[in-house]
């Protein structure tokens, strides 16, 4: 979808359809919506008077101009209650409209910048949200089907603004929205791909290609280099697979970076998880191609960071492996040594994600980071605790907690703080090593986070468990989002970028 910024009146736009809006409870349309209503001889007012349109969030009405204006159709979208209006409301409205426009086979769509006028929102943020919502709602995974998808995407999105002084900030917001949406597209596609396509090697190649396209440095460690780095835990997980592990290092280091040490993002990249010898049940093994969703979010975030040219030193780390069953696979009761010398007894080979993250956290320590944030589809216990609406946030620094929660709220990718009390370490004790890799069922998400804490250096650290909300469908256990599509969400890529922009 091509994004075009225009100065002028929305009712004069030469497109197939225009978009205006109404808050819930408004009885007399004003601003650009009022101007369009007047051009249509009160057609929008008639919608309100008859009760056919109330302005609720997610509501869209289609009117036909019958030659009164250039565009053949007028789409009126509800913004919801004005006192709850924010960027998420703009994304929701824009996503609803984009999907409606697709169904109507609209090629060129023009919209006012929701919130940039009567809504009182910062124009840059409003424009970013319009573009984000529109692009994310129309994402499609290019699946290899004999009969291609017959839906026709919107080709052009015109953001039309009458006030010439707002054009420059709208352009800035739109550019940010495009960069972020592109990162989400990349993250979703990587996670939606089957595991025979998105292998560790393929993920490394995709990351390298992305880095080249946006000007980041990229280095891929092979298994020999991982052994040289003494990554004994990561190496244990990959022992059973014929696909070689890859350790992906992506770096954005601009000359104007405002931080001394890098912000390091670490994403779990288990491209398929059988559970190993602690084999998953039939129902549980389906969908395990998405066990690299944390890695996908980090790769997508680095793409956006590069495109936005943020003045922040950022490093993305992705340990990419398969967890398979074979004669060489690691086994329960085996003991392996992490990069920092901590020994681990394997109780469950299905608790492999924390092992690859542990060595990645140790590698992050060698970078002298200012902050380290890891993200993973780590535990089913997180879904039991929080369901699929929220990401579990385990953090040892209140300032980092506040910054991440604020970023998550603004982007619609919310976090919920979980306990990180060392008392849970009692569940990780074993007689044959420093730690065992699982503490049993009680508090399973917490003991997983506490396991990781033993590989964290002297820096602020956050662990984010995205199990469950890394996917989206229209079931009741998911938060409805107009700009999400079935499959991978890319969560929490946009929250990461917002956090980094705020730095």
Protein backbone atom coordinates (compact mmCIF):
# COMPACT_ATOMS: atom_id res chain seq x y z
CA UNK A 1 0.00 0.00 0.00
CA UNK A 2 1.47 3.33 -1.07
CA UNK A 3 1.03 6.17 1.44
CA UNK A 4 0.49 9.64 -0.01
CA UNK A 5 0.21 12.91 1.92
CA UNK A 6 -1.98 15.64 0.41
CA UNK A 7 -2.99 19.16 1.40
CA UNK A 8 -6.57 20.07 0.65
CA UNK A 9 -10.20 19.28 1.45
CA UNK A 10 -11.12 15.64 1.95
CA UNK A 11 -14.32 16.03 -0.08
CA UNK A 12 -12.23 17.09 -3.10
CA UNK A 13 -9.90 14.06 -3.06
CA UNK A 14 -9.76 12.22 -6.40
CA UNK A 15 -10.03 8.68 -5.03
CA UNK A 16 -12.48 5.80 -4.93
CA UNK A 17 -13.59 6.48 -1.35
CA UNK A 18 -12.99 8.96 1.45
CA UNK A 19 -13.02 8.39 5.20
CA UNK A 20 -14.37 10.69 7.90
CA UNK A 21 -15.20 9.97 11.53
CA UNK A 22 -17.52 10.58 14.46
CA UNK A 23 -17.12 10.19 18.21
CA UNK A 24 -19.77 8.22 20.04
CA UNK A 25 -22.70 10.38 21.08
CA UNK A 26 -22.04 13.25 18.65
CA UNK A 27 -25.33 14.64 17.36
CA UNK A 28 -24.01 17.24 14.92
CA UNK A 29 -20.94 16.46 12.80
CA UNK A 30 -18.27 19.13 12.69
CA UNK A 31 -14.85 19.75 11.12
CA UNK A 32 -14.08 17.74 8.00
CA UNK A 33 -16.94 15.35 8.75
CA UNK A 34 -19.31 18.30 8.89
CA UNK A 35 -18.01 19.62 5.57
CA UNK A 36 -18.60 16.22 3.93
CA UNK A 37 -22.05 16.03 5.52
CA UNK A 38 -22.90 19.38 4.01
CA UNK A 39 -21.63 18.27 0.57
CA UNK A 40 -23.85 15.18 0.85
CA UNK A 41 -26.93 17.24 1.79
CA UNK A 42 -26.98 15.98 5.39
CA UNK A 43 -26.59 12.26 4.70
CA UNK A 44 -24.29 11.78 7.73
CA UNK A 45 -26.68 13.73 9.93
CA UNK A 46 -29.47 11.44 8.75
CA UNK A 47 -27.42 8.41 9.90
CA UNK A 48 -27.16 9.94 13.35
CA UNK A 49 -30.79 11.03 13.56
CA UNK A 50 -32.14 7.64 12.57
CA UNK A 51 -29.83 5.84 15.00
CA UNK A 52 -28.23 3.89 12.16
CA UNK A 53 -24.80 5.13 13.25
CA UNK A 54 -23.75 5.84 16.83
CA UNK A 55 -19.99 6.39 16.55
CA UNK A 56 -19.07 3.30 18.56
CA UNK A 57 -15.56 1.95 18.09
CA UNK A 58 -15.48 -0.52 15.20
CA UNK A 59 -18.61 0.85 13.54
CA UNK A 60 -18.44 1.75 9.83
CA UNK A 61 -21.18 3.13 7.61
CA UNK A 62 -20.94 3.33 3.82
CA UNK A 63 -22.61 6.19 1.94
CA UNK A 64 -22.75 6.75 -1.82
CA UNK A 65 -22.04 10.27 -3.02
CA UNK A 66 -24.12 10.06 -6.24
CA UNK A 67 -21.87 12.66 -7.86
CA UNK A 68 -22.03 15.18 -5.00
CA UNK A 69 -18.25 14.78 -4.52
CA UNK A 70 -15.50 13.18 -6.59
CA UNK A 71 -15.26 9.96 -4.57
CA UNK A 72 -18.00 7.41 -5.19
CA UNK A 73 -18.15 6.28 -1.56
CA UNK A 74 -17.89 7.87 1.86
CA UNK A 75 -16.92 5.66 4.81
CA UNK A 76 -17.86 7.01 8.23
CA UNK A 77 -15.97 5.32 11.05
CA UNK A 78 -16.73 5.43 14.76
CA UNK A 79 -13.97 6.54 17.13
CA UNK A 80 -15.70 5.46 20.33
CA UNK A 81 -15.96 7.59 23.47
CA UNK A 82 -14.03 10.84 23.29
CA UNK A 83 -12.70 10.58 26.86
CA UNK A 84 -11.09 7.22 26.02
CA UNK A 85 -9.62 8.35 22.72
CA UNK A 86 -5.94 7.56 22.13
CA UNK A 87 -3.55 6.14 19.53
CA UNK A 88 -5.01 2.68 19.97
CA UNK A 89 -8.45 4.04 19.06
CA UNK A 90 -6.96 5.53 15.89
CA UNK A 91 -5.30 2.23 14.96
CA UNK A 92 -8.57 0.41 15.59
CA UNK A 93 -10.57 2.82 13.43
CA UNK A 94 -7.99 2.74 10.65
CA UNK A 95 -7.81 -1.04 10.70
CA UNK A 96 -11.60 -1.40 10.49
CA UNK A 97 -11.72 0.96 7.53
CA UNK A 98 -8.84 -0.73 5.71
CA UNK A 99 -10.52 -4.15 5.95
CA UNK A 100 -13.85 -2.67 4.87
CA UNK A 101 -12.19 -0.99 1.88
CA UNK A 102 -10.67 -4.31 0.83
CA UNK A 103 -14.07 -5.99 0.85
CA UNK A 104 -15.45 -3.16 -1.28
CA UNK A 105 -12.55 -3.54 -3.74
CA UNK A 106 -11.47 0.06 -3.20
CA UNK A 107 -8.09 0.81 -4.80
CA UNK A 108 -7.47 4.40 -3.68
CA UNK A 109 -8.64 5.48 -0.24
CA UNK A 110 -8.36 8.98 1.27
CA UNK A 111 -8.75 9.65 4.97
CA UNK A 112 -8.57 12.52 7.35
CA UNK A 113 -6.00 12.09 10.14
CA UNK A 114 -8.17 10.74 12.96
CA UNK A 115 -7.44 12.69 16.13
CA UNK A 116 -5.32 15.31 14.38
CA UNK A 117 -8.11 17.89 14.52
CA UNK A 118 -11.05 17.85 16.95
CA UNK A 119 -9.51 14.84 18.74
CA UNK A 120 -6.71 17.06 20.02
CA UNK A 121 -4.01 14.42 19.52
CA UNK A 122 -0.43 15.21 18.55
CA UNK A 123 -0.54 15.26 14.74
CA UNK A 124 2.62 13.20 14.32
CA UNK A 125 1.29 10.46 16.59
CA UNK A 126 -2.14 10.55 14.96
CA UNK A 127 -0.69 10.15 11.47
CA UNK A 128 1.57 7.33 12.63
CA UNK A 129 -1.41 5.50 14.14
CA UNK A 130 -3.52 5.90 10.98
CA UNK A 131 -0.76 4.43 8.82
CA UNK A 132 0.09 1.67 11.31
CA UNK A 133 -3.52 0.56 11.68
CA UNK A 134 -4.17 0.64 7.94
CA UNK A 135 -1.06 -1.28 6.94
CA UNK A 136 -1.18 -3.83 9.74
CA UNK A 137 -4.84 -4.64 9.07
CA UNK A 138 -4.10 -5.50 5.44
CA UNK A 139 -1.07 -7.75 6.10
CA UNK A 140 -1.30 -11.13 4.38
CA UNK A 141 1.03 -14.07 4.64
CA UNK A 142 2.01 -15.15 1.14
CA UNK A 143 1.17 -18.82 1.56
CA UNK A 144 2.08 -21.27 -1.22
CA UNK A 145 -1.43 -22.09 -2.43
CA UNK A 146 -2.49 -23.43 -5.83
CA UNK A 147 -5.32 -20.90 -5.85
CA UNK A 148 -4.10 -17.47 -4.74
CA UNK A 149 -6.09 -15.25 -2.41
CA UNK A 150 -8.72 -13.44 -4.46
CA UNK A 151 -8.99 -10.39 -2.20
CA UNK A 152 -7.72 -7.17 -3.74
CA UNK A 153 -5.64 -4.96 -1.42
CA UNK A 154 -6.00 -1.20 -1.23
CA UNK A 155 -3.22 0.21 -3.41
CA UNK A 156 -3.10 3.82 -2.21
CA UNK A 157 -3.78 5.45 1.15
CA UNK A 158 -4.05 9.23 0.96
CA UNK A 159 -3.79 11.23 4.19
CA UNK A 160 -5.55 14.51 3.44
CA UNK A 161 -5.13 17.61 5.62
CA UNK A 162 -6.58 21.08 4.99
CA UNK A 163 -4.13 22.93 7.28
CA UNK A 164 -0.86 23.33 5.37
CA UNK A 165 1.13 23.78 8.61
CA UNK A 166 0.30 20.20 9.58
CA UNK A 167 1.62 18.57 6.39
CA UNK A 168 5.22 18.25 7.58
CA UNK A 169 4.38 16.58 10.92
CA UNK A 170 1.89 14.29 9.15
CA UNK A 171 4.67 13.22 6.78
CA UNK A 172 6.94 12.48 9.74
CA UNK A 173 4.25 10.43 11.47
CA UNK A 174 3.38 8.54 8.30
CA UNK A 175 7.04 7.65 7.69
CA UNK A 176 7.32 6.30 11.25
CA UNK A 177 4.14 4.30 10.79
CA UNK A 178 5.45 2.77 7.57
CA UNK A 179 8.80 1.84 9.15
CA UNK A 180 7.13 0.20 12.14
CA UNK A 181 4.58 -1.63 9.99
CA UNK A 182 7.37 -2.98 7.80
CA UNK A 183 9.07 -4.37 10.90
CA UNK A 184 5.83 -6.03 11.99
CA UNK A 185 5.34 -7.48 8.50
CA UNK A 186 8.81 -9.06 8.71
CA UNK A 187 8.20 -10.42 12.20
CA UNK A 188 4.79 -11.86 11.29
CA UNK A 189 6.06 -13.47 8.11
CA UNK A 190 9.02 -15.13 9.84
CA UNK A 191 6.74 -16.56 12.53
CA UNK A 192 4.00 -17.58 10.09
CA UNK A 193 6.39 -19.56 7.88
CA UNK A 194 6.51 -23.33 8.39
CA UNK A 195 9.56 -24.62 10.22
CA UNK A 196 10.88 -26.43 7.14
CA UNK A 197 11.16 -22.97 5.56
CA UNK A 198 12.11 -20.81 8.56
CA UNK A 199 15.05 -22.96 9.68
CA UNK A 200 17.84 -21.46 11.84
CA UNK A 201 19.88 -20.97 8.67
CA UNK A 202 16.99 -19.30 6.85
CA UNK A 203 16.37 -17.00 9.82
CA UNK A 204 20.04 -16.00 9.82
CA UNK A 205 19.87 -15.28 6.09
CA UNK A 206 16.71 -13.21 6.54
CA UNK A 207 18.32 -11.22 9.35
CA UNK A 208 21.44 -10.65 7.29
CA UNK A 209 19.42 -9.47 4.28
CA UNK A 210 17.40 -7.14 6.51
CA UNK A 211 20.55 -5.65 8.04
CA UNK A 212 22.04 -5.02 4.62
CA UNK A 213 18.86 -3.29 3.45
CA UNK A 214 18.67 -0.85 6.39
CA UNK A 215 22.37 -0.38 7.13
CA UNK A 216 22.93 -2.48 10.26
CA UNK A 217 25.96 -4.58 11.09
CA UNK A 218 25.31 -8.31 11.21
CA UNK A 219 27.43 -11.23 12.35
CA UNK A 220 26.34 -14.87 12.44
CA UNK A 221 28.08 -17.26 14.82
CA UNK A 222 28.15 -20.88 13.67
CA UNK A 223 28.24 -23.88 16.00
CA UNK A 224 32.06 -23.95 16.19
CA UNK A 225 32.05 -20.31 17.29
CA UNK A 226 29.33 -21.07 19.85
CA UNK A 227 31.48 -23.86 21.27
CA UNK A 228 34.41 -21.44 21.40
CA UNK A 229 32.17 -19.04 23.33
CA UNK A 230 31.43 -21.91 25.76
CA UNK A 231 27.69 -21.80 25.10
CA UNK A 232 27.13 -25.24 26.55
CA UNK A 233 23.41 -24.83 27.20
CA UNK A 234 22.51 -23.60 23.73
CA UNK A 235 24.71 -26.31 22.21
CA UNK A 236 22.89 -28.95 24.26
CA UNK A 237 19.52 -28.00 22.76
CA UNK A 238 20.72 -28.22 19.17
CA UNK A 239 22.42 -31.63 19.61
CA UNK A 240 19.40 -33.55 18.34
CA UNK A 241 18.87 -31.61 15.12
CA UNK A 242 20.36 -31.99 11.67
CA UNK A 243 19.76 -28.26 11.17
CA UNK A 244 22.79 -26.32 12.45
CA UNK A 245 22.19 -23.67 15.09
CA UNK A 246 22.91 -20.02 14.32
CA UNK A 247 23.57 -17.19 16.75
CA UNK A 248 22.54 -13.94 15.09
CA UNK A 249 24.05 -10.61 16.17
CA UNK A 250 22.53 -7.42 14.68
CA UNK A 251 23.89 -4.01 15.63
CA UNK A 252 22.67 -0.46 15.11
CA UNK A 253 25.42 1.91 16.30
CA UNK A 254 24.90 5.45 15.01
CA UNK A 255 27.51 8.15 15.64
CA UNK A 256 24.90 10.24 17.48
CA UNK A 257 23.90 7.45 19.89
CA UNK A 258 22.71 8.90 23.20
CA UNK A 259 23.49 5.81 25.33
CA UNK A 260 26.94 4.67 26.49
CA UNK A 261 26.30 0.93 26.51
CA UNK A 262 23.91 -0.68 24.03
CA UNK A 263 20.32 -1.64 24.69
CA UNK A 264 20.35 -5.37 23.97
CA UNK A 265 17.22 -7.17 22.76
CA UNK A 266 17.33 -10.96 22.98
CA UNK A 267 14.75 -13.14 21.21
CA UNK A 268 14.18 -16.86 21.67
CA UNK A 269 14.59 -18.48 18.26
CA UNK A 270 13.49 -22.10 18.59
CA UNK A 271 12.32 -22.63 15.02
CA UNK A 272 10.53 -25.82 15.97
CA UNK A 273 10.04 -27.37 19.40
CA UNK A 274 9.14 -31.04 19.63
CA UNK A 275 9.84 -30.97 23.34
CA UNK A 276 12.77 -33.32 22.75
CA UNK A 277 12.65 -36.54 24.76
CA UNK A 278 10.08 -34.81 26.99
CA UNK A 279 7.91 -35.04 23.90
CA UNK A 280 4.93 -32.74 23.55
CA UNK A 281 1.45 -34.30 23.11
CA UNK A 282 -0.17 -34.29 19.68
CA UNK A 283 -2.27 -31.18 20.36
CA UNK A 284 0.62 -29.36 22.03
CA UNK A 285 3.12 -29.90 19.25
CA UNK A 286 0.94 -28.24 16.61
CA UNK A 287 1.87 -24.59 16.29
CA UNK A 288 5.42 -25.01 17.58
CA UNK A 289 6.74 -23.39 14.42
CA UNK A 290 5.90 -20.19 16.31
CA UNK A 291 8.35 -20.88 19.13
CA UNK A 292 10.69 -18.41 17.47
CA UNK A 293 8.22 -15.52 17.77
CA UNK A 294 10.46 -13.72 20.26
CA UNK A 295 13.28 -13.86 17.74
CA UNK A 296 10.96 -12.62 14.99
CA UNK A 297 9.96 -9.65 17.15
CA UNK A 298 13.61 -8.74 17.73
CA UNK A 299 14.49 -9.01 14.03
CA UNK A 300 11.44 -6.88 13.16
CA UNK A 301 12.37 -4.31 15.81
CA UNK A 302 15.92 -4.03 14.46
CA UNK A 303 14.47 -3.46 10.99
CA UNK A 304 12.36 -0.56 12.29
CA UNK A 305 15.27 0.84 14.32
CA UNK A 306 17.42 0.91 11.19
CA UNK A 307 14.73 2.51 9.06
CA UNK A 308 13.95 5.13 11.72
CA UNK A 309 17.67 5.84 12.23
CA UNK A 310 17.17 6.11 15.97
CA UNK A 311 20.00 7.85 17.87
CA UNK A 312 20.31 4.82 20.17
CA UNK A 313 22.92 2.06 20.19
CA UNK A 314 20.92 -1.19 19.93
CA UNK A 315 22.04 -4.79 19.55
CA UNK A 316 19.67 -7.62 18.70
CA UNK A 317 20.63 -11.19 19.63
CA UNK A 318 18.86 -14.27 18.30
CA UNK A 319 19.90 -17.79 19.30
CA UNK A 320 18.26 -19.86 16.55
CA UNK A 321 17.94 -23.63 17.07
CA UNK A 322 15.65 -26.62 16.59
CA UNK A 323 14.68 -28.85 19.53
CA UNK A 324 14.40 -32.33 18.03
CA UNK A 325 14.46 -35.99 19.05
CA UNK A 326 17.31 -38.19 17.79
CA UNK A 327 20.08 -40.50 18.94
CA UNK A 328 22.23 -37.43 19.65
CA UNK A 329 19.59 -35.32 21.42
CA UNK A 330 20.08 -34.20 25.00
CA UNK A 331 18.23 -36.17 27.67
CA UNK A 332 16.65 -35.70 31.10
CA UNK A 333 19.28 -35.84 33.88
CA UNK A 334 22.08 -34.73 31.57
CA UNK A 335 24.18 -31.86 32.97
CA UNK A 336 25.57 -29.01 30.88
CA UNK A 337 27.59 -25.88 31.65
CA UNK A 338 26.50 -22.38 30.61
CA UNK A 339 28.75 -19.66 29.22
CA UNK A 340 29.11 -18.15 32.70
CA UNK A 341 30.12 -21.46 34.27
CA UNK A 342 26.74 -22.24 35.88
CA UNK A 343 25.91 -25.94 35.66
CA UNK A 344 22.38 -27.10 34.83
CA UNK A 345 20.70 -30.46 35.25
CA UNK A 346 18.12 -31.14 32.57
CA UNK A 347 14.82 -32.21 34.09
CA UNK A 348 12.69 -31.49 31.03
CA UNK A 349 14.04 -31.23 27.51
CA UNK A 350 10.87 -29.26 26.79
CA UNK A 351 12.21 -26.43 28.95
CA UNK A 352 14.76 -25.64 26.25
CA UNK A 353 13.98 -21.98 25.58
CA UNK A 354 15.47 -20.84 28.88
CA UNK A 355 18.67 -22.73 28.03
CA UNK A 356 19.29 -20.90 24.75
CA UNK A 357 18.32 -17.59 26.36
CA UNK A 358 20.71 -18.22 29.26
CA UNK A 359 23.78 -18.36 27.01
CA UNK A 360 22.46 -15.41 24.99
CA UNK A 361 22.17 -13.34 28.19
CA UNK A 362 25.74 -14.23 29.04
CA UNK A 363 26.81 -13.12 25.57
CA UNK A 364 24.93 -9.85 26.13
CA UNK A 365 27.04 -9.29 29.24
CA UNK A 366 30.18 -9.21 27.08
CA UNK A 367 28.73 -6.19 25.24
CA UNK A 368 28.71 -4.01 28.40
CA UNK A 369 25.02 -3.23 27.96
CA UNK A 370 23.03 -0.42 29.54
CA UNK A 371 19.83 -2.51 29.46
CA UNK A 372 18.97 -6.06 28.39
CA UNK A 373 15.44 -7.18 27.47
CA UNK A 374 14.67 -10.74 26.42
CA UNK A 375 11.44 -11.95 24.86
CA UNK A 376 10.21 -15.49 24.44
CA UNK A 377 7.26 -17.83 24.07
CA UNK A 378 8.66 -19.37 27.20
CA UNK A 379 6.00 -21.09 29.29
CA UNK A 380 2.51 -22.53 29.12
CA UNK A 381 2.28 -21.42 32.75
CA UNK A 382 2.21 -17.79 31.60
CA UNK A 383 -0.98 -18.54 29.66
CA UNK A 384 -2.52 -20.15 32.75
CA UNK A 385 -1.67 -17.02 34.77
CA UNK A 386 -2.52 -14.27 32.29
CA UNK A 387 -4.27 -15.86 29.33
CA UNK A 388 -3.59 -14.49 25.86
CA UNK A 389 -4.38 -10.83 26.46
CA UNK A 390 -1.22 -9.68 28.24
CA UNK A 391 2.50 -10.35 28.11
CA UNK A 392 4.12 -11.38 31.38
CA UNK A 393 6.79 -8.86 32.43
CA UNK A 394 9.49 -9.95 34.86
CA UNK A 395 11.77 -7.03 35.64
CA UNK A 396 14.35 -6.18 38.29
CA UNK A 397 14.38 -2.40 37.75
CA UNK A 398 11.42 -0.08 38.45
CA UNK A 399 12.49 2.55 35.93
CA UNK A 400 12.73 -0.06 33.19
CA UNK A 401 9.36 -1.48 34.29
CA UNK A 402 7.68 1.93 34.03
CA UNK A 403 9.19 2.63 30.60
CA UNK A 404 8.14 -0.72 29.16
CA UNK A 405 4.63 -0.57 30.62
CA UNK A 406 4.16 2.93 29.16
CA UNK A 407 5.40 1.75 25.75
CA UNK A 408 3.14 -1.30 25.85
CA UNK A 409 0.09 0.73 26.77
CA UNK A 410 0.69 3.24 23.99
CA UNK A 411 1.16 0.59 21.32
CA UNK A 412 -1.65 -1.71 22.38
CA UNK A 413 0.82 -4.43 23.39
CA UNK A 414 0.30 -4.37 27.17
CA UNK A 415 2.52 -5.93 29.85
CA UNK A 416 1.64 -7.15 33.33
CA UNK A 417 4.30 -7.26 36.04
CA UNK A 418 4.94 -10.70 37.47
CA UNK A 419 6.93 -11.65 40.60
CA UNK A 420 10.67 -12.19 40.42
CA UNK A 421 11.27 -13.09 44.07
CA UNK A 422 14.43 -15.19 44.73
CA UNK A 423 12.38 -17.39 47.07
CA UNK A 424 11.33 -19.31 43.94
CA UNK A 425 14.96 -20.41 43.49
CA UNK A 426 14.26 -23.13 46.05
CA UNK A 427 12.33 -24.95 43.33
CA UNK A 428 15.40 -24.97 41.07
CA UNK A 429 17.77 -26.68 43.52
CA UNK A 430 19.35 -30.02 42.62
CA UNK A 431 22.11 -32.17 44.13
CA UNK A 432 24.02 -32.69 40.89
CA UNK A 433 24.37 -29.13 39.51
CA UNK A 434 23.96 -25.45 40.37
CA UNK A 435 20.42 -25.44 38.98
CA UNK A 436 17.86 -27.66 37.35
CA UNK A 437 16.08 -26.30 34.30
CA UNK A 438 12.52 -26.50 35.63
CA UNK A 439 10.97 -25.98 39.02
CA UNK A 440 7.82 -27.98 38.46
CA UNK A 441 4.28 -26.85 37.77
CA UNK A 442 3.67 -24.37 40.64
CA UNK A 443 4.65 -20.87 39.53
CA UNK A 444 6.11 -22.24 36.31
CA UNK A 445 6.42 -18.87 34.56
CA UNK A 446 8.10 -17.38 37.64
CA UNK A 447 10.63 -20.21 38.10
CA UNK A 448 11.51 -19.93 34.40
CA UNK A 449 12.26 -16.23 34.89
CA UNK A 450 14.23 -17.01 38.07
CA UNK A 451 16.28 -19.53 36.10
CA UNK A 452 17.23 -16.80 33.64
CA UNK A 453 18.14 -14.46 36.50
CA UNK A 454 21.19 -16.65 37.22
CA UNK A 455 22.65 -15.63 33.87
CA UNK A 456 22.04 -11.89 34.21
CA UNK A 457 24.90 -9.45 34.83
CA UNK A 458 24.99 -6.15 36.68
CA UNK A 459 22.56 -4.28 34.45
CA UNK A 460 18.82 -3.57 34.32
CA UNK A 461 17.06 -6.58 32.87
CA UNK A 462 13.55 -7.49 31.80
CA UNK A 463 12.19 -10.84 30.68
CA UNK A 464 8.97 -10.84 28.64
CA UNK A 465 6.93 -14.03 28.26
CA UNK A 466 4.67 -13.76 25.19
CA UNK A 467 3.32 -17.31 25.18
CA UNK A 468 -0.22 -17.21 23.77
CA UNK A 469 -0.36 -13.57 22.71
CA UNK A 470 2.27 -14.18 20.03
CA UNK A 471 -0.72 -15.44 18.00
CA UNK A 472 -4.10 -13.98 17.13
CA UNK A 473 -7.47 -15.37 16.14
CA UNK A 474 -11.01 -14.17 16.66
CA UNK A 475 -11.64 -16.45 19.64
CA UNK A 476 -12.85 -15.03 22.98
CA UNK A 477 -9.48 -15.62 24.63
CA UNK A 478 -7.88 -12.98 22.39
CA UNK A 479 -8.30 -9.21 22.72
CA UNK A 480 -10.18 -8.02 19.59
CA UNK A 481 -7.94 -5.96 17.34
CA UNK A 482 -9.00 -4.72 13.92
CA UNK A 483 -5.39 -4.36 12.77
CA UNK A 484 -4.39 -7.94 13.59
CA UNK A 485 -4.82 -10.84 11.21
CA UNK A 486 -5.00 -14.57 12.03
CA UNK A 487 -1.57 -15.96 12.81
CA UNK A 488 1.46 -14.18 14.20
CA UNK A 489 1.01 -10.78 15.88
CA UNK A 490 4.65 -9.64 15.90
CA UNK A 491 4.06 -8.81 19.58
CA UNK A 492 5.81 -6.95 21.26
CA UNK A 493 7.83 -5.49 18.40
CA UNK A 494 6.02 -2.16 18.35
CA UNK A 495 6.38 -1.78 22.12
CA UNK A 496 10.12 -2.33 21.77
CA UNK A 497 10.38 0.38 19.13
CA UNK A 498 8.31 2.80 21.22
CA UNK A 499 10.55 2.12 24.22
CA UNK A 500 13.67 2.79 22.15
CA UNK A 501 12.21 5.96 20.60
CA UNK A 502 11.43 7.26 24.08
CA UNK A 503 15.07 6.87 25.08
